[in-house]
Amino acid sequence: KKVAVIMGSDSDFPVVKSAVGVLKDFDIPVELHVMSAHRTPE
């Protein structure tokens, strides 16, 4: 199973980098995307 890491803005990347690192340390496939609840709700 993969884990999705979704950021509301690319400015959140410095925060979520550690999550991506932990997931990769456990060999968990991860996908990172920028999606906004308000700007790209679809």
PDB file of all heavy atoms in Angstrom:
ATOM      1  N   LYS A   1       0.850  -1.194   0.000  1.00  0.00           N
ATOM      2  CA  LYS A   1       0.000   0.000   0.000  1.00  0.00           C
ATOM      3  C   LYS A   1       0.884   1.242   0.000  1.00  0.00           C
ATOM      4  O   LYS A   1       1.928   1.295   0.656  1.00  0.00           O
ATOM      5  CB  LYS A   1      -0.918   0.019   1.216  1.00  0.00           C
ATOM      6  CG  LYS A   1      -1.943  -1.087   1.221  1.00  0.00           C
ATOM      7  CD  LYS A   1      -2.971  -0.860   0.155  1.00  0.00           C
ATOM      8  CE  LYS A   1      -4.068  -1.895   0.239  1.00  0.00           C
ATOM      9  NZ  LYS A   1      -4.991  -1.811  -0.864  1.00  0.00           N
ATOM     10  N   LYS A   2       0.434   2.242  -0.730  1.00  0.00           N
ATOM     11  CA  LYS A   2       1.134   3.524  -0.789  1.00  0.00           C
ATOM     12  C   LYS A   2       0.519   4.480   0.228  1.00  0.00           C
ATOM     13  O   LYS A   2      -0.610   4.291   0.678  1.00  0.00           O
ATOM     14  CB  LYS A   2       0.982   4.156  -2.178  1.00  0.00           C
ATOM     15  CG  LYS A   2       1.513   3.316  -3.318  1.00  0.00           C
ATOM     16  CD  LYS A   2       1.362   4.027  -4.656  1.00  0.00           C
ATOM     17  CE  LYS A   2      -0.086   4.029  -5.123  1.00  0.00           C
ATOM     18  NZ  LYS A   2      -0.250   4.593  -6.469  1.00  0.00           N
ATOM     19  N   VAL A   3       1.260   5.523   0.552  1.00  0.00           N
ATOM     20  CA  VAL A   3       0.749   6.627   1.360  1.00  0.00           C
ATOM     21  C   VAL A   3       0.832   7.888   0.512  1.00  0.00           C
ATOM     22  O   VAL A   3       1.861   8.165  -0.106  1.00  0.00           O
ATOM     23  CB  VAL A   3       1.548   6.806   2.669  1.00  0.00           C
ATOM     24  CG1 VAL A   3       1.109   8.067   3.408  1.00  0.00           C
ATOM     25  CG2 VAL A   3       1.375   5.575   3.563  1.00  0.00           C
ATOM     26  N   ALA A   4      -0.263   8.615   0.476  1.00  0.00           N
ATOM     27  CA  ALA A   4      -0.285   9.908  -0.215  1.00  0.00           C
ATOM     28  C   ALA A   4      -0.002  11.005   0.799  1.00  0.00           C
ATOM     29  O   ALA A   4      -0.553  10.991   1.902  1.00  0.00           O
ATOM     30  CB  ALA A   4      -1.652  10.140  -0.858  1.00  0.00           C
ATOM     31  N   VAL A   5       0.853  11.921   0.428  1.00  0.00           N
ATOM     32  CA  VAL A   5       1.092  13.124   1.222  1.00  0.00           C
ATOM     33  C   VAL A   5       0.621  14.286   0.361  1.00  0.00           C
ATOM     34  O   VAL A   5       1.205  14.564  -0.693  1.00  0.00           O
ATOM     35  CB  VAL A   5       2.582  13.281   1.613  1.00  0.00           C
ATOM     36  CG1 VAL A   5       2.784  14.567   2.394  1.00  0.00           C
ATOM     37  CG2 VAL A   5       3.061  12.068   2.405  1.00  0.00           C
ATOM     38  N   ILE A   6      -0.451  14.911   0.802  1.00  0.00           N
ATOM     39  CA  ILE A   6      -1.065  16.003   0.048  1.00  0.00           C
ATOM     40  C   ILE A   6      -0.847  17.304   0.806  1.00  0.00           C
ATOM     41  O   ILE A   6      -1.171  17.402   1.993  1.00  0.00           O
ATOM     42  CB  ILE A   6      -2.585  15.760  -0.144  1.00  0.00           C
ATOM     43  CG1 ILE A   6      -2.873  14.348  -0.663  1.00  0.00           C
ATOM     44  CG2 ILE A   6      -3.179  16.832  -1.048  1.00  0.00           C
ATOM     45  CD1 ILE A   6      -2.283  14.035  -2.014  1.00  0.00           C
ATOM     46  N   MET A   7      -0.302  18.290   0.110  1.00  0.00           N
ATOM     47  CA  MET A   7      -0.060  19.612   0.704  1.00  0.00           C
ATOM     48  C   MET A   7      -1.037  20.603   0.104  1.00  0.00           C
ATOM     49  O   MET A   7      -1.304  20.559  -1.103  1.00  0.00           O
ATOM     50  CB  MET A   7       1.354  20.104   0.380  1.00  0.00           C
ATOM     51  CG  MET A   7       2.470  19.196   0.782  1.00  0.00           C
ATOM     52  SD  MET A   7       4.071  19.848   0.207  1.00  0.00           S
ATOM     53  CE  MET A   7       3.920  19.646  -1.562  1.00  0.00           C
ATOM     54  N   GLY A   8      -1.535  21.493   0.927  1.00  0.00           N
ATOM     55  CA  GLY A   8      -2.417  22.532   0.435  1.00  0.00           C
ATOM     56  C   GLY A   8      -1.682  23.569  -0.396  1.00  0.00           C
ATOM     57  O   GLY A   8      -2.279  24.266  -1.209  1.00  0.00           O
ATOM     58  N   SER A   9      -0.373  23.656  -0.189  1.00  0.00           N
ATOM     59  CA  SER A   9       0.455  24.637  -0.893  1.00  0.00           C
ATOM     60  C   SER A   9       1.883  24.116  -0.941  1.00  0.00           C
ATOM     61  O   SER A   9       2.307  23.377  -0.039  1.00  0.00           O
ATOM     62  CB  SER A   9       0.421  25.973  -0.144  1.00  0.00           C
ATOM     63  OG  SER A   9       1.415  26.857  -0.629  1.00  0.00           O
ATOM     64  N   ASP A  10       2.630  24.520  -1.957  1.00  0.00           N
ATOM     65  CA  ASP A  10       4.030  24.113  -2.007  1.00  0.00           C
ATOM     66  C   ASP A  10       4.837  24.699  -0.855  1.00  0.00           C
ATOM     67  O   ASP A  10       5.900  24.197  -0.514  1.00  0.00           O
ATOM     68  CB  ASP A  10       4.662  24.450  -3.362  1.00  0.00           C
ATOM     69  CG  ASP A  10       4.688  25.928  -3.667  1.00  0.00           C
ATOM     70  OD1 ASP A  10       3.991  26.722  -3.005  1.00  0.00           O
ATOM     71  OD2 ASP A  10       5.408  26.306  -4.609  1.00  0.00           O
ATOM     72  N   SER A  11       4.320  25.743  -0.213  1.00  0.00           N
ATOM     73  CA  SER A  11       5.013  26.317   0.941  1.00  0.00           C
ATOM     74  C   SER A  11       4.988  25.370   2.144  1.00  0.00           C
ATOM     75  O   SER A  11       5.729  25.566   3.107  1.00  0.00           O
ATOM     76  CB  SER A  11       4.399  27.668   1.329  1.00  0.00           C
ATOM     77  OG  SER A  11       3.068  27.502   1.770  1.00  0.00           O
ATOM     78  N   ASP A  12       4.167  24.315   2.089  1.00  0.00           N
ATOM     79  CA  ASP A  12       4.116  23.318   3.155  1.00  0.00           C
ATOM     80  C   ASP A  12       5.212  22.258   3.010  1.00  0.00           C
ATOM     81  O   ASP A  12       5.405  21.437   3.905  1.00  0.00           O
ATOM     82  CB  ASP A  12       2.750  22.611   3.179  1.00  0.00           C
ATOM     83  CG  ASP A  12       1.607  23.573   3.416  1.00  0.00           C
ATOM     84  OD1 ASP A  12       1.802  24.577   4.134  1.00  0.00           O
ATOM     85  OD2 ASP A  12       0.507  23.325   2.878  1.00  0.00           O
ATOM     86  N   PHE A  13       5.937  22.284   1.906  1.00  0.00           N
ATOM     87  CA  PHE A  13       6.943  21.256   1.646  1.00  0.00           C
ATOM     88  C   PHE A  13       8.000  21.146   2.741  1.00  0.00           C
ATOM     89  O   PHE A  13       8.344  20.018   3.149  1.00  0.00           O
ATOM     90  CB  PHE A  13       7.588  21.449   0.275  1.00  0.00           C
ATOM     91  CG  PHE A  13       8.543  20.357  -0.087  1.00  0.00           C
ATOM     92  CD1 PHE A  13       8.108  19.052  -0.234  1.00  0.00           C
ATOM     93  CD2 PHE A  13       9.896  20.621  -0.268  1.00  0.00           C
ATOM     94  CE1 PHE A  13       8.995  18.021  -0.553  1.00  0.00           C
ATOM     95  CE2 PHE A  13      10.783  19.609  -0.588  1.00  0.00           C
ATOM     96  CZ  PHE A  13      10.333  18.313  -0.731  1.00  0.00           C
ATOM     97  N   PRO A  14       8.544  22.248   3.268  1.00  0.00           N
ATOM     98  CA  PRO A  14       9.541  22.095   4.334  1.00  0.00           C
ATOM     99  C   PRO A  14       9.006  21.320   5.542  1.00  0.00           C
ATOM    100  O   PRO A  14       9.766  20.618   6.211  1.00  0.00           O
ATOM    101  CB  PRO A  14       9.894  23.533   4.714  1.00  0.00           C
ATOM    102  CG  PRO A  14       9.612  24.325   3.479  1.00  0.00           C
ATOM    103  CD  PRO A  14       8.392  23.659   2.859  1.00  0.00           C
ATOM    104  N   VAL A  15       7.719  21.426   5.807  1.00  0.00           N
ATOM    105  CA  VAL A  15       7.118  20.684   6.923  1.00  0.00           C
ATOM    106  C   VAL A  15       6.974  19.210   6.568  1.00  0.00           C
ATOM    107  O   VAL A  15       7.341  18.332   7.347  1.00  0.00           O
ATOM    108  CB  VAL A  15       5.743  21.287   7.313  1.00  0.00           C
ATOM    109  CG1 VAL A  15       5.024  20.404   8.329  1.00  0.00           C
ATOM    110  CG2 VAL A  15       5.914  22.699   7.850  1.00  0.00           C
ATOM    111  N   VAL A  16       6.457  18.894   5.394  1.00  0.00           N
ATOM    112  CA  VAL A  16       6.144  17.499   5.056  1.00  0.00           C
ATOM    113  C   VAL A  16       7.358  16.676   4.641  1.00  0.00           C
ATOM    114  O   VAL A  16       7.265  15.445   4.573  1.00  0.00           O
ATOM    115  CB  VAL A  16       5.034  17.378   3.984  1.00  0.00           C
ATOM    116  CG1 VAL A  16       3.763  18.065   4.440  1.00  0.00           C
ATOM    117  CG2 VAL A  16       5.486  17.886   2.648  1.00  0.00           C
ATOM    118  N   LYS A  17       8.490  17.328   4.401  1.00  0.00           N
ATOM    119  CA  LYS A  17       9.691  16.577   4.017  1.00  0.00           C
ATOM    120  C   LYS A  17      10.020  15.479   5.020  1.00  0.00           C
ATOM    121  O   LYS A  17      10.410  14.377   4.635  1.00  0.00           O
ATOM    122  CB  LYS A  17      10.888  17.523   3.868  1.00  0.00           C
ATOM    123  CG  LYS A  17      10.997  18.161   2.515  1.00  0.00           C
ATOM    124  CD  LYS A  17      12.070  19.201   2.412  1.00  0.00           C
ATOM    125  CE  LYS A  17      13.433  18.749   2.813  1.00  0.00           C
ATOM    126  NZ  LYS A  17      14.479  19.762   2.537  1.00  0.00           N
ATOM    127  N   SER A  18       9.843  15.761   6.299  1.00  0.00           N
ATOM    128  CA  SER A  18      10.178  14.745   7.302  1.00  0.00           C
ATOM    129  C   SER A  18       9.234  13.549   7.211  1.00  0.00           C
ATOM    130  O   SER A  18       9.650  12.409   7.456  1.00  0.00           O
ATOM    131  CB  SER A  18      10.178  15.333   8.714  1.00  0.00           C
ATOM    132  OG  SER A  18       8.896  15.807   9.072  1.00  0.00           O
ATOM    133  N   ALA A  19       7.976  13.770   6.849  1.00  0.00           N
ATOM    134  CA  ALA A  19       7.038  12.651   6.670  1.00  0.00           C
ATOM    135  C   ALA A  19       7.489  11.777   5.506  1.00  0.00           C
ATOM    136  O   ALA A  19       7.496  10.539   5.605  1.00  0.00           O
ATOM    137  CB  ALA A  19       5.619  13.163   6.427  1.00  0.00           C
ATOM    138  N   VAL A  20       7.871  12.396   4.424  1.00  0.00           N
ATOM    139  CA  VAL A  20       8.339  11.642   3.260  1.00  0.00           C
ATOM    140  C   VAL A  20       9.582  10.838   3.636  1.00  0.00           C
ATOM    141  O   VAL A  20       9.709   9.657   3.279  1.00  0.00           O
ATOM    142  CB  VAL A  20       8.608  12.579   2.062  1.00  0.00           C
ATOM    143  CG1 VAL A  20       9.245  11.828   0.904  1.00  0.00           C
ATOM    144  CG2 VAL A  20       7.316  13.266   1.622  1.00  0.00           C
ATOM    145  N   GLY A  21      10.483  11.439   4.394  1.00  0.00           N
ATOM    146  CA  GLY A  21      11.691  10.746   4.827  1.00  0.00           C
ATOM    147  C   GLY A  21      11.388   9.526   5.686  1.00  0.00           C
ATOM    148  O   GLY A  21      11.979   8.457   5.490  1.00  0.00           O
ATOM    149  N   VAL A  22      10.466   9.660   6.631  1.00  0.00           N
ATOM    150  CA  VAL A  22      10.094   8.536   7.489  1.00  0.00           C
ATOM    151  C   VAL A  22       9.489   7.411   6.656  1.00  0.00           C
ATOM    152  O   VAL A  22       9.840   6.238   6.813  1.00  0.00           O
ATOM    153  CB  VAL A  22       9.115   8.979   8.601  1.00  0.00           C
ATOM    154  CG1 VAL A  22       8.481   7.777   9.294  1.00  0.00           C
ATOM    155  CG2 VAL A  22       9.820   9.868   9.617  1.00  0.00           C
ATOM    156  N   LEU A  23       8.579   7.765   5.763  1.00  0.00           N
ATOM    157  CA  LEU A  23       7.954   6.738   4.922  1.00  0.00           C
ATOM    158  C   LEU A  23       8.987   6.020   4.065  1.00  0.00           C
ATOM    159  O   LEU A  23       8.968   4.791   3.949  1.00  0.00           O
ATOM    160  CB  LEU A  23       6.856   7.373   4.060  1.00  0.00           C
ATOM    161  CG  LEU A  23       5.653   7.905   4.845  1.00  0.00           C
ATOM    162  CD1 LEU A  23       4.787   8.792   3.957  1.00  0.00           C
ATOM    163  CD2 LEU A  23       4.844   6.781   5.459  1.00  0.00           C
ATOM    164  N   LYS A  24       9.901   6.764   3.498  1.00  0.00           N
ATOM    165  CA  LYS A  24      10.951   6.141   2.683  1.00  0.00           C
ATOM    166  C   LYS A  24      11.868   5.275   3.536  1.00  0.00           C
ATOM    167  O   LYS A  24      12.317   4.220   3.084  1.00  0.00           O
ATOM    168  CB  LYS A  24      11.737   7.204   1.921  1.00  0.00           C
ATOM    169  CG  LYS A  24      10.945   7.789   0.766  1.00  0.00           C
ATOM    170  CD  LYS A  24      11.780   8.724  -0.074  1.00  0.00           C
ATOM    171  CE  LYS A  24      10.990   9.127  -1.307  1.00  0.00           C
ATOM    172  NZ  LYS A  24      11.844   9.690  -2.345  1.00  0.00           N
ATOM    173  N   ASP A  25      12.144   5.700   4.773  1.00  0.00           N
ATOM    174  CA  ASP A  25      12.968   4.884   5.675  1.00  0.00           C
ATOM    175  C   ASP A  25      12.338   3.517   5.922  1.00  0.00           C
ATOM    176  O   ASP A  25      13.042   2.538   6.143  1.00  0.00           O
ATOM    177  CB  ASP A  25      13.182   5.591   7.018  1.00  0.00           C
ATOM    178  CG  ASP A  25      14.175   6.736   6.935  1.00  0.00           C
ATOM    179  OD1 ASP A  25      14.898   6.846   5.922  1.00  0.00           O
ATOM    180  OD2 ASP A  25      14.219   7.538   7.900  1.00  0.00           O
ATOM    181  N   PHE A  26      11.022   3.448   5.904  1.00  0.00           N
ATOM    182  CA  PHE A  26      10.311   2.181   6.093  1.00  0.00           C
ATOM    183  C   PHE A  26       9.959   1.505   4.767  1.00  0.00           C
ATOM    184  O   PHE A  26       9.197   0.542   4.739  1.00  0.00           O
ATOM    185  CB  PHE A  26       9.029   2.401   6.916  1.00  0.00           C
ATOM    186  CG  PHE A  26       9.298   2.549   8.388  1.00  0.00           C
ATOM    187  CD1 PHE A  26       9.267   3.803   8.989  1.00  0.00           C
ATOM    188  CD2 PHE A  26       9.597   1.446   9.167  1.00  0.00           C
ATOM    189  CE1 PHE A  26       9.510   3.944  10.349  1.00  0.00           C
ATOM    190  CE2 PHE A  26       9.838   1.574  10.529  1.00  0.00           C
ATOM    191  CZ  PHE A  26       9.802   2.827  11.118  1.00  0.00           C
ATOM    192  N   ASP A  27      10.517   2.014   3.678  1.00  0.00           N
ATOM    193  CA  ASP A  27      10.268   1.457   2.342  1.00  0.00           C
ATOM    194  C   ASP A  27       8.783   1.457   1.981  1.00  0.00           C
ATOM    195  O   ASP A  27       8.297   0.532   1.309  1.00  0.00           O
ATOM    196  CB  ASP A  27      10.844   0.043   2.201  1.00  0.00           C
ATOM    197  CG  ASP A  27      12.354   0.028   2.353  1.00  0.00           C
ATOM    198  OD1 ASP A  27      13.003   0.939   1.788  1.00  0.00           O
ATOM    199  OD2 ASP A  27      12.882  -0.866   3.044  1.00  0.00           O
ATOM    200  N   ILE A  28       8.084   2.468   2.439  1.00  0.00           N
ATOM    201  CA  ILE A  28       6.667   2.615   2.103  1.00  0.00           C
ATOM    202  C   ILE A  28       6.582   3.518   0.872  1.00  0.00           C
ATOM    203  O   ILE A  28       7.083   4.647   0.893  1.00  0.00           O
ATOM    204  CB  ILE A  28       5.875   3.236   3.273  1.00  0.00           C
ATOM    205  CG1 ILE A  28       5.905   2.292   4.479  1.00  0.00           C
ATOM    206  CG2 ILE A  28       4.438   3.546   2.852  1.00  0.00           C
ATOM    207  CD1 ILE A  28       5.350   2.900   5.754  1.00  0.00           C
ATOM    208  N   PRO A  29       5.964   3.036  -0.189  1.00  0.00           N
ATOM    209  CA  PRO A  29       5.820   3.880  -1.377  1.00  0.00           C
ATOM    210  C   PRO A  29       5.004   5.135  -1.030  1.00  0.00           C
ATOM    211  O   PRO A  29       3.981   5.052  -0.353  1.00  0.00           O
ATOM    212  CB  PRO A  29       5.061   2.998  -2.374  1.00  0.00           C
ATOM    213  CG  PRO A  29       5.207   1.601  -1.869  1.00  0.00           C
ATOM    214  CD  PRO A  29       5.365   1.706  -0.388  1.00  0.00           C
ATOM    215  N   VAL A  30       5.487   6.262  -1.486  1.00  0.00           N
ATOM    216  CA  VAL A  30       4.837   7.531  -1.147  1.00  0.00           C
ATOM    217  C   VAL A  30       4.687   8.381  -2.403  1.00  0.00           C
ATOM    218  O   VAL A  30       5.555   8.383  -3.268  1.00  0.00           O
ATOM    219  CB  VAL A  30       5.629   8.283  -0.048  1.00  0.00           C
ATOM    220  CG1 VAL A  30       7.046   8.577  -0.486  1.00  0.00           C
ATOM    221  CG2 VAL A  30       4.925   9.552   0.385  1.00  0.00           C
ATOM    222  N   GLU A  31       3.569   9.064  -2.493  1.00  0.00           N
ATOM    223  CA  GLU A  31       3.351  10.063  -3.543  1.00  0.00           C
ATOM    224  C   GLU A  31       3.061  11.384  -2.862  1.00  0.00           C
ATOM    225  O   GLU A  31       2.307  11.443  -1.894  1.00  0.00           O
ATOM    226  CB  GLU A  31       2.151   9.690  -4.422  1.00  0.00           C
ATOM    227  CG  GLU A  31       2.430   8.600  -5.404  1.00  0.00           C
ATOM    228  CD  GLU A  31       1.276   8.391  -6.386  1.00  0.00           C
ATOM    229  OE1 GLU A  31       0.450   9.321  -6.578  1.00  0.00           O
ATOM    230  OE2 GLU A  31       1.207   7.286  -6.945  1.00  0.00           O
ATOM    231  N   LEU A  32       3.652  12.436  -3.382  1.00  0.00           N
ATOM    232  CA  LEU A  32       3.491  13.779  -2.840  1.00  0.00           C
ATOM    233  C   LEU A  32       2.816  14.649  -3.883  1.00  0.00           C
ATOM    234  O   LEU A  32       3.228  14.651  -5.045  1.00  0.00           O
ATOM    235  CB  LEU A  32       4.874  14.334  -2.483  1.00  0.00           C
ATOM    236  CG  LEU A  32       4.939  15.702  -1.848  1.00  0.00           C
ATOM    237  CD1 LEU A  32       4.408  15.661  -0.425  1.00  0.00           C
ATOM    238  CD2 LEU A  32       6.375  16.193  -1.838  1.00  0.00           C
ATOM    239  N   HIS A  33       1.765  15.365  -3.478  1.00  0.00           N
ATOM    240  CA  HIS A  33       1.035  16.237  -4.403  1.00  0.00           C
ATOM    241  C   HIS A  33       0.639  17.535  -3.714  1.00  0.00           C
ATOM    242  O   HIS A  33       0.479  17.577  -2.494  1.00  0.00           O
ATOM    243  CB  HIS A  33      -0.252  15.557  -4.901  1.00  0.00           C
ATOM    244  CG  HIS A  33      -0.011  14.301  -5.669  1.00  0.00           C
ATOM    245  ND1 HIS A  33       0.411  14.301  -6.980  1.00  0.00           N
ATOM    246  CD2 HIS A  33      -0.120  12.998  -5.314  1.00  0.00           C
ATOM    247  CE1 HIS A  33       0.538  13.058  -7.393  1.00  0.00           C
ATOM    248  NE2 HIS A  33       0.231  12.242  -6.398  1.00  0.00           N
ATOM    249  N   VAL A  34       0.448  18.570  -4.509  1.00  0.00           N
ATOM    250  CA  VAL A  34      -0.122  19.828  -4.037  1.00  0.00           C
ATOM    251  C   VAL A  34      -1.555  19.892  -4.555  1.00  0.00           C
ATOM    252  O   VAL A  34      -1.788  19.808  -5.766  1.00  0.00           O
ATOM    253  CB  VAL A  34       0.672  21.054  -4.557  1.00  0.00           C
ATOM    254  CG1 VAL A  34       0.001  22.353  -4.124  1.00  0.00           C
ATOM    255  CG2 VAL A  34       2.113  21.004  -4.093  1.00  0.00           C
ATOM    256  N   MET A  35      -2.502  19.993  -3.630  1.00  0.00           N
ATOM    257  CA  MET A  35      -3.924  20.129  -3.967  1.00  0.00           C
ATOM    258  C   MET A  35      -4.552  21.020  -2.919  1.00  0.00           C
ATOM    259  O   MET A  35      -4.261  20.879  -1.733  1.00  0.00           O
ATOM    260  CB  MET A  35      -4.627  18.775  -3.957  1.00  0.00           C
ATOM    261  CG  MET A  35      -4.153  17.829  -5.014  1.00  0.00           C
ATOM    262  SD  MET A  35      -5.019  16.260  -4.864  1.00  0.00           S
ATOM    263  CE  MET A  35      -3.987  15.259  -5.916  1.00  0.00           C
ATOM    264  N   SER A  36      -5.405  21.879  -3.346  1.00  0.00           N
ATOM    265  CA  SER A  36      -6.035  22.816  -2.426  1.00  0.00           C
ATOM    266  C   SER A  36      -7.519  22.494  -2.260  1.00  0.00           C
ATOM    267  O   SER A  36      -8.225  22.267  -3.251  1.00  0.00           O
ATOM    268  CB  SER A  36      -5.881  24.238  -2.966  1.00  0.00           C
ATOM    269  OG  SER A  36      -6.675  25.139  -2.228  1.00  0.00           O
ATOM    270  N   ALA A  37      -7.970  22.498  -1.013  1.00  0.00           N
ATOM    271  CA  ALA A  37      -9.393  22.298  -0.747  1.00  0.00           C
ATOM    272  C   ALA A  37     -10.219  23.436  -1.330  1.00  0.00           C
ATOM    273  O   ALA A  37     -11.393  23.255  -1.650  1.00  0.00           O
ATOM    274  CB  ALA A  37      -9.635  22.210   0.761  1.00  0.00           C
ATOM    275  N   HIS A  38      -9.603  24.603  -1.489  1.00  0.00           N
ATOM    276  CA  HIS A  38     -10.330  25.791  -1.933  1.00  0.00           C
ATOM    277  C   HIS A  38     -10.067  26.157  -3.387  1.00  0.00           C
ATOM    278  O   HIS A  38     -10.953  26.644  -4.074  1.00  0.00           O
ATOM    279  CB  HIS A  38      -9.965  26.974  -1.032  1.00  0.00           C
ATOM    280  CG  HIS A  38     -10.232  26.683   0.407  1.00  0.00           C
ATOM    281  ND1 HIS A  38      -9.215  26.447   1.300  1.00  0.00           N
ATOM    282  CD2 HIS A  38     -11.383  26.545   1.095  1.00  0.00           C
ATOM    283  CE1 HIS A  38      -9.744  26.194   2.494  1.00  0.00           C
ATOM    284  NE2 HIS A  38     -11.043  26.247   2.398  1.00  0.00           N
ATOM    285  N   ARG A  39      -8.838  25.928  -3.861  1.00  0.00           N
ATOM    286  CA  ARG A  39      -8.480  26.341  -5.218  1.00  0.00           C
ATOM    287  C   ARG A  39      -8.602  25.218  -6.246  1.00  0.00           C
ATOM    288  O   ARG A  39      -8.808  25.472  -7.420  1.00  0.00           O
ATOM    289  CB  ARG A  39      -7.065  26.923  -5.225  1.00  0.00           C
ATOM    290  CG  ARG A  39      -6.981  28.199  -4.395  1.00  0.00           C
ATOM    291  CD  ARG A  39      -5.578  28.792  -4.444  1.00  0.00           C
ATOM    292  NE  ARG A  39      -5.510  29.937  -3.563  1.00  0.00           N
ATOM    293  CZ  ARG A  39      -4.979  29.917  -2.343  1.00  0.00           C
ATOM    294  NH1 ARG A  39      -4.448  28.820  -1.857  1.00  0.00           N
ATOM    295  NH2 ARG A  39      -4.958  31.006  -1.615  1.00  0.00           N
ATOM    296  N   THR A  40      -8.429  23.967  -5.801  1.00  0.00           N
ATOM    297  CA  THR A  40      -8.578  22.813  -6.706  1.00  0.00           C
ATOM    298  C   THR A  40      -9.438  21.737  -6.038  1.00  0.00           C
ATOM    299  O   THR A  40      -9.013  20.582  -5.897  1.00  0.00           O
ATOM    300  CB  THR A  40      -7.203  22.225  -7.109  1.00  0.00           C
ATOM    301  OG1 THR A  40      -6.533  21.769  -5.923  1.00  0.00           O
ATOM    302  CG2 THR A  40      -6.352  23.233  -7.864  1.00  0.00           C
ATOM    303  N   PRO A  41     -10.637  22.095  -5.625  1.00  0.00           N
ATOM    304  CA  PRO A  41     -11.451  21.115  -4.891  1.00  0.00           C
ATOM    305  C   PRO A  41     -11.801  19.882  -5.709  1.00  0.00           C
ATOM    306  O   PRO A  41     -11.860  18.774  -5.157  1.00  0.00           O
ATOM    307  CB  PRO A  41     -12.711  21.906  -4.499  1.00  0.00           C
ATOM    308  CG  PRO A  41     -12.775  23.034  -5.463  1.00  0.00           C
ATOM    309  CD  PRO A  41     -11.339  23.370  -5.799  1.00  0.00           C
ATOM    310  N   GLU A  42     -11.995  20.033  -7.010  1.00  0.00           N
ATOM    311  CA  GLU A  42     -12.331  18.875  -7.842  1.00  0.00           C
ATOM    312  C   GLU A  42     -11.178  17.877  -7.859  1.00  0.00           C
ATOM    313  O   GLU A  42     -11.384  16.658  -7.755  1.00  0.00           O
ATOM    314  CB  GLU A  42     -12.681  19.293  -9.279  1.00  0.00           C
ATOM    315  CG  GLU A  42     -13.914  20.174  -9.385  1.00  0.00           C
ATOM    316  CD  GLU A  42     -13.600  21.671  -9.212  1.00  0.00           C
ATOM    317  OE1 GLU A  42     -12.416  22.044  -8.986  1.00  0.00           O
ATOM    318  OE2 GLU A  42     -14.551  22.464  -9.288  1.00  0.00           O
TER     319      GLU A  42
END
